[in-house]
């Protein structure tokens, strides 16, 4: 059987191109929870990683740099217990993920900083001084 894609309607084309039909495990961690999405930016002075992780506290994250690899991980377990009639109902929640990024040679892994605000973890990795752009230097003619 041959699957023929209708190409006259962009809405249908986008539907078939979406991640709904991506059955690989690239968006899932080892515990079958989704991995947070990231944005990676570069400026003249630093690299920046933005990781979307709403519902976490800053204490839930662990950030390490080892052998020029930046690793961001989290493990969060929550127990909710409610009393109802003659029984107790418990609900467990467990979330974990681990994302690793190889740092380029121009990154200064000793000066990494992180901040968490409104569900976004931002990790700033400054560039080494020798990697930053320098202003032109005028040469005096003798």
C-alpha atoms as a PDB file:
ATOM      1  CA  UNK A   1       0.000   0.000   0.000  1.00  0.00           C
ATOM      2  CA  UNK A   2       1.326   3.434  -0.901  1.00  0.00           C
ATOM      3  CA  UNK A   3       0.560   6.452   1.268  1.00  0.00           C
ATOM      4  CA  UNK A   4      -0.094   9.506  -0.873  1.00  0.00           C
ATOM      5  CA  UNK A   5       0.137  12.888   0.829  1.00  0.00           C
ATOM      6  CA  UNK A   6      -2.303  15.574  -0.262  1.00  0.00           C
ATOM      7  CA  UNK A   7      -0.225  18.695  -0.905  1.00  0.00           C
ATOM      8  CA  UNK A   8      -2.955  21.173  -1.689  1.00  0.00           C
ATOM      9  CA  UNK A   9      -3.749  22.114   1.912  1.00  0.00           C
ATOM     10  CA  UNK A  10      -0.950  23.561   4.089  1.00  0.00           C
ATOM     11  CA  UNK A  11      -2.856  22.672   7.285  1.00  0.00           C
ATOM     12  CA  UNK A  12      -2.853  18.975   6.390  1.00  0.00           C
ATOM     13  CA  UNK A  13       0.800  19.148   5.305  1.00  0.00           C
ATOM     14  CA  UNK A  14       1.804  20.646   8.685  1.00  0.00           C
ATOM     15  CA  UNK A  15      -0.190  17.959  10.499  1.00  0.00           C
ATOM     16  CA  UNK A  16       1.775  15.162   8.836  1.00  0.00           C
ATOM     17  CA  UNK A  17       5.081  16.993   9.349  1.00  0.00           C
ATOM     18  CA  UNK A  18       4.498  17.461  13.079  1.00  0.00           C
ATOM     19  CA  UNK A  19       6.230  15.570  15.873  1.00  0.00           C
ATOM     20  CA  UNK A  20       3.037  13.579  16.396  1.00  0.00           C
ATOM     21  CA  UNK A  21       4.392  11.056  13.904  1.00  0.00           C
ATOM     22  CA  UNK A  22       7.945  11.058  15.319  1.00  0.00           C
ATOM     23  CA  UNK A  23       8.046   7.757  17.220  1.00  0.00           C
ATOM     24  CA  UNK A  24      11.707   8.070  18.252  1.00  0.00           C
ATOM     25  CA  UNK A  25      12.646   8.661  21.867  1.00  0.00           C
ATOM     26  CA  UNK A  26      14.534  11.914  21.312  1.00  0.00           C
ATOM     27  CA  UNK A  27      12.029  13.950  23.373  1.00  0.00           C
ATOM     28  CA  UNK A  28      11.858  11.566  26.335  1.00  0.00           C
ATOM     29  CA  UNK A  29      14.147  10.836  29.277  1.00  0.00           C
ATOM     30  CA  UNK A  30      14.990   7.396  30.628  1.00  0.00           C
ATOM     31  CA  UNK A  31      11.940   7.603  32.906  1.00  0.00           C
ATOM     32  CA  UNK A  32       9.626   8.249  29.921  1.00  0.00           C
ATOM     33  CA  UNK A  33       8.984  11.840  30.950  1.00  0.00           C
ATOM     34  CA  UNK A  34       9.360  14.566  28.350  1.00  0.00           C
ATOM     35  CA  UNK A  35      12.632  16.448  28.169  1.00  0.00           C
ATOM     36  CA  UNK A  36      12.409  20.206  28.598  1.00  0.00           C
ATOM     37  CA  UNK A  37      12.892  22.186  25.407  1.00  0.00           C
ATOM     38  CA  UNK A  38      15.944  24.416  25.140  1.00  0.00           C
ATOM     39  CA  UNK A  39      17.043  27.506  23.252  1.00  0.00           C
ATOM     40  CA  UNK A  40      20.777  28.070  22.766  1.00  0.00           C
ATOM     41  CA  UNK A  41      21.953  31.608  21.964  1.00  0.00           C
ATOM     42  CA  UNK A  42      25.351  33.091  21.249  1.00  0.00           C
ATOM     43  CA  UNK A  43      26.415  36.720  21.572  1.00  0.00           C
ATOM     44  CA  UNK A  44      29.858  38.311  21.266  1.00  0.00           C
ATOM     45  CA  UNK A  45      30.419  37.819  25.005  1.00  0.00           C
ATOM     46  CA  UNK A  46      28.572  34.650  26.050  1.00  0.00           C
ATOM     47  CA  UNK A  47      26.538  31.561  25.270  1.00  0.00           C
ATOM     48  CA  UNK A  48      23.113  31.253  26.855  1.00  0.00           C
ATOM     49  CA  UNK A  49      20.929  28.186  27.349  1.00  0.00           C
ATOM     50  CA  UNK A  50      17.243  28.692  28.165  1.00  0.00           C
ATOM     51  CA  UNK A  51      15.491  25.569  29.443  1.00  0.00           C
ATOM     52  CA  UNK A  52      11.682  25.507  29.782  1.00  0.00           C
ATOM     53  CA  UNK A  53      10.809  23.827  33.092  1.00  0.00           C
ATOM     54  CA  UNK A  54       7.613  25.297  34.597  1.00  0.00           C
ATOM     55  CA  UNK A  55       6.504  24.036  37.993  1.00  0.00           C
ATOM     56  CA  UNK A  56      10.018  23.488  39.326  1.00  0.00           C
ATOM     57  CA  UNK A  57      11.872  25.323  42.087  1.00  0.00           C
ATOM     58  CA  UNK A  58      15.434  26.497  41.613  1.00  0.00           C
ATOM     59  CA  UNK A  59      16.503  23.978  44.255  1.00  0.00           C
ATOM     60  CA  UNK A  60      15.221  21.146  41.988  1.00  0.00           C
ATOM     61  CA  UNK A  61      18.040  21.685  39.471  1.00  0.00           C
ATOM     62  CA  UNK A  62      21.592  20.378  39.492  1.00  0.00           C
ATOM     63  CA  UNK A  63      24.061  22.021  37.105  1.00  0.00           C
ATOM     64  CA  UNK A  64      27.600  20.705  36.647  1.00  0.00           C
ATOM     65  CA  UNK A  65      30.542  21.291  34.330  1.00  0.00           C
ATOM     66  CA  UNK A  66      32.951  18.363  33.980  1.00  0.00           C
ATOM     67  CA  UNK A  67      35.479  17.786  31.178  1.00  0.00           C
ATOM     68  CA  UNK A  68      33.995  20.632  29.110  1.00  0.00           C
ATOM     69  CA  UNK A  69      30.477  19.137  29.279  1.00  0.00           C
ATOM     70  CA  UNK A  70      27.663  21.135  30.901  1.00  0.00           C
ATOM     71  CA  UNK A  71      24.992  18.904  32.449  1.00  0.00           C
ATOM     72  CA  UNK A  72      21.604  20.164  33.641  1.00  0.00           C
ATOM     73  CA  UNK A  73      19.519  17.648  35.567  1.00  0.00           C
ATOM     74  CA  UNK A  74      16.564  17.507  37.892  1.00  0.00           C
ATOM     75  CA  UNK A  75      14.822  14.938  39.999  1.00  0.00           C
ATOM     76  CA  UNK A  76      11.560  15.833  41.675  1.00  0.00           C
ATOM     77  CA  UNK A  77       9.237  13.619  43.662  1.00  0.00           C
ATOM     78  CA  UNK A  78       5.987  14.813  45.214  1.00  0.00           C
ATOM     79  CA  UNK A  79       3.459  13.068  47.428  1.00  0.00           C
ATOM     80  CA  UNK A  80      -0.075  14.350  47.837  1.00  0.00           C
ATOM     81  CA  UNK A  81      -2.180  12.776  50.545  1.00  0.00           C
ATOM     82  CA  UNK A  82      -5.855  13.500  51.118  1.00  0.00           C
ATOM     83  CA  UNK A  83      -8.311  12.042  53.602  1.00  0.00           C
ATOM     84  CA  UNK A  84     -11.605  10.964  52.071  1.00  0.00           C
ATOM     85  CA  UNK A  85     -14.444   9.099  53.855  1.00  0.00           C
ATOM     86  CA  UNK A  86     -12.962   5.789  55.144  1.00  0.00           C
ATOM     87  CA  UNK A  87      -9.777   5.633  53.133  1.00  0.00           C
ATOM     88  CA  UNK A  88      -6.667   7.587  52.319  1.00  0.00           C
ATOM     89  CA  UNK A  89      -5.820   8.329  48.719  1.00  0.00           C
ATOM     90  CA  UNK A  90      -2.206   8.870  47.706  1.00  0.00           C
ATOM     91  CA  UNK A  91      -0.917  10.252  44.461  1.00  0.00           C
ATOM     92  CA  UNK A  92       2.758  10.056  43.600  1.00  0.00           C
ATOM     93  CA  UNK A  93       4.489  12.211  41.060  1.00  0.00           C
ATOM     94  CA  UNK A  94       8.036  11.660  39.826  1.00  0.00           C
ATOM     95  CA  UNK A  95       9.846  13.772  37.260  1.00  0.00           C
ATOM     96  CA  UNK A  96      13.469  13.624  36.172  1.00  0.00           C
ATOM     97  CA  UNK A  97      15.561  14.659  33.218  1.00  0.00           C
ATOM     98  CA  UNK A  98      19.179  15.138  32.254  1.00  0.00           C
ATOM     99  CA  UNK A  99      20.457  17.282  29.368  1.00  0.00           C
ATOM    100  CA  UNK A 100      24.141  17.592  28.475  1.00  0.00           C
ATOM    101  CA  UNK A 101      25.895  20.100  26.236  1.00  0.00           C
ATOM    102  CA  UNK A 102      29.489  19.993  24.985  1.00  0.00           C
ATOM    103  CA  UNK A 103      31.055  23.384  25.595  1.00  0.00           C
ATOM    104  CA  UNK A 104      33.006  24.940  22.726  1.00  0.00           C
ATOM    105  CA  UNK A 105      36.690  25.759  23.232  1.00  0.00           C
ATOM    106  CA  UNK A 106      35.810  29.456  23.467  1.00  0.00           C
ATOM    107  CA  UNK A 107      33.550  28.942  26.538  1.00  0.00           C
ATOM    108  CA  UNK A 108      34.805  29.665  30.066  1.00  0.00           C
ATOM    109  CA  UNK A 109      33.348  26.726  32.018  1.00  0.00           C
ATOM    110  CA  UNK A 110      34.691  28.108  35.323  1.00  0.00           C
ATOM    111  CA  UNK A 111      32.365  31.136  35.235  1.00  0.00           C
ATOM    112  CA  UNK A 112      28.976  29.529  34.466  1.00  0.00           C
ATOM    113  CA  UNK A 113      25.991  31.205  36.146  1.00  0.00           C
ATOM    114  CA  UNK A 114      22.313  30.245  36.301  1.00  0.00           C
ATOM    115  CA  UNK A 115      19.005  31.902  37.155  1.00  0.00           C
ATOM    116  CA  UNK A 116      15.447  30.550  37.309  1.00  0.00           C
ATOM    117  CA  UNK A 117      12.496  32.865  36.677  1.00  0.00           C
ATOM    118  CA  UNK A 118       8.877  32.204  35.602  1.00  0.00           C
ATOM    119  CA  UNK A 119       9.506  28.620  34.522  1.00  0.00           C
ATOM    120  CA  UNK A 120      12.662  29.325  32.511  1.00  0.00           C
ATOM    121  CA  UNK A 121      16.109  28.223  33.694  1.00  0.00           C
ATOM    122  CA  UNK A 122      18.752  30.429  32.060  1.00  0.00           C
ATOM    123  CA  UNK A 123      22.366  29.251  32.112  1.00  0.00           C
ATOM    124  CA  UNK A 124      24.974  31.830  31.052  1.00  0.00           C
ATOM    125  CA  UNK A 125      28.385  30.656  29.883  1.00  0.00           C
ATOM    126  CA  UNK A 126      30.793  33.543  29.290  1.00  0.00           C
ATOM    127  CA  UNK A 127      33.342  33.374  26.510  1.00  0.00           C
ATOM    128  CA  UNK A 128      37.057  33.397  27.282  1.00  0.00           C
ATOM    129  CA  UNK A 129      38.620  36.841  26.943  1.00  0.00           C
ATOM    130  CA  UNK A 130      40.716  35.789  23.943  1.00  0.00           C
ATOM    131  CA  UNK A 131      37.540  34.654  22.138  1.00  0.00           C
ATOM    132  CA  UNK A 132      35.707  37.969  22.505  1.00  0.00           C
ATOM    133  CA  UNK A 133      35.848  40.359  19.546  1.00  0.00           C
ATOM    134  CA  UNK A 134      38.350  43.151  19.881  1.00  0.00           C
ATOM    135  CA  UNK A 135      37.999  46.706  18.648  1.00  0.00           C
ATOM    136  CA  UNK A 136      40.204  47.681  15.727  1.00  0.00           C
ATOM    137  CA  UNK A 137      43.598  49.020  16.759  1.00  0.00           C
ATOM    138  CA  UNK A 138      45.065  51.925  14.851  1.00  0.00           C
ATOM    139  CA  UNK A 139      48.674  51.434  13.750  1.00  0.00           C
ATOM    140  CA  UNK A 140      50.908  54.482  13.801  1.00  0.00           C
ATOM    141  CA  UNK A 141      53.014  54.962  10.707  1.00  0.00           C
ATOM    142  CA  UNK A 142      56.609  56.019  11.471  1.00  0.00           C
END
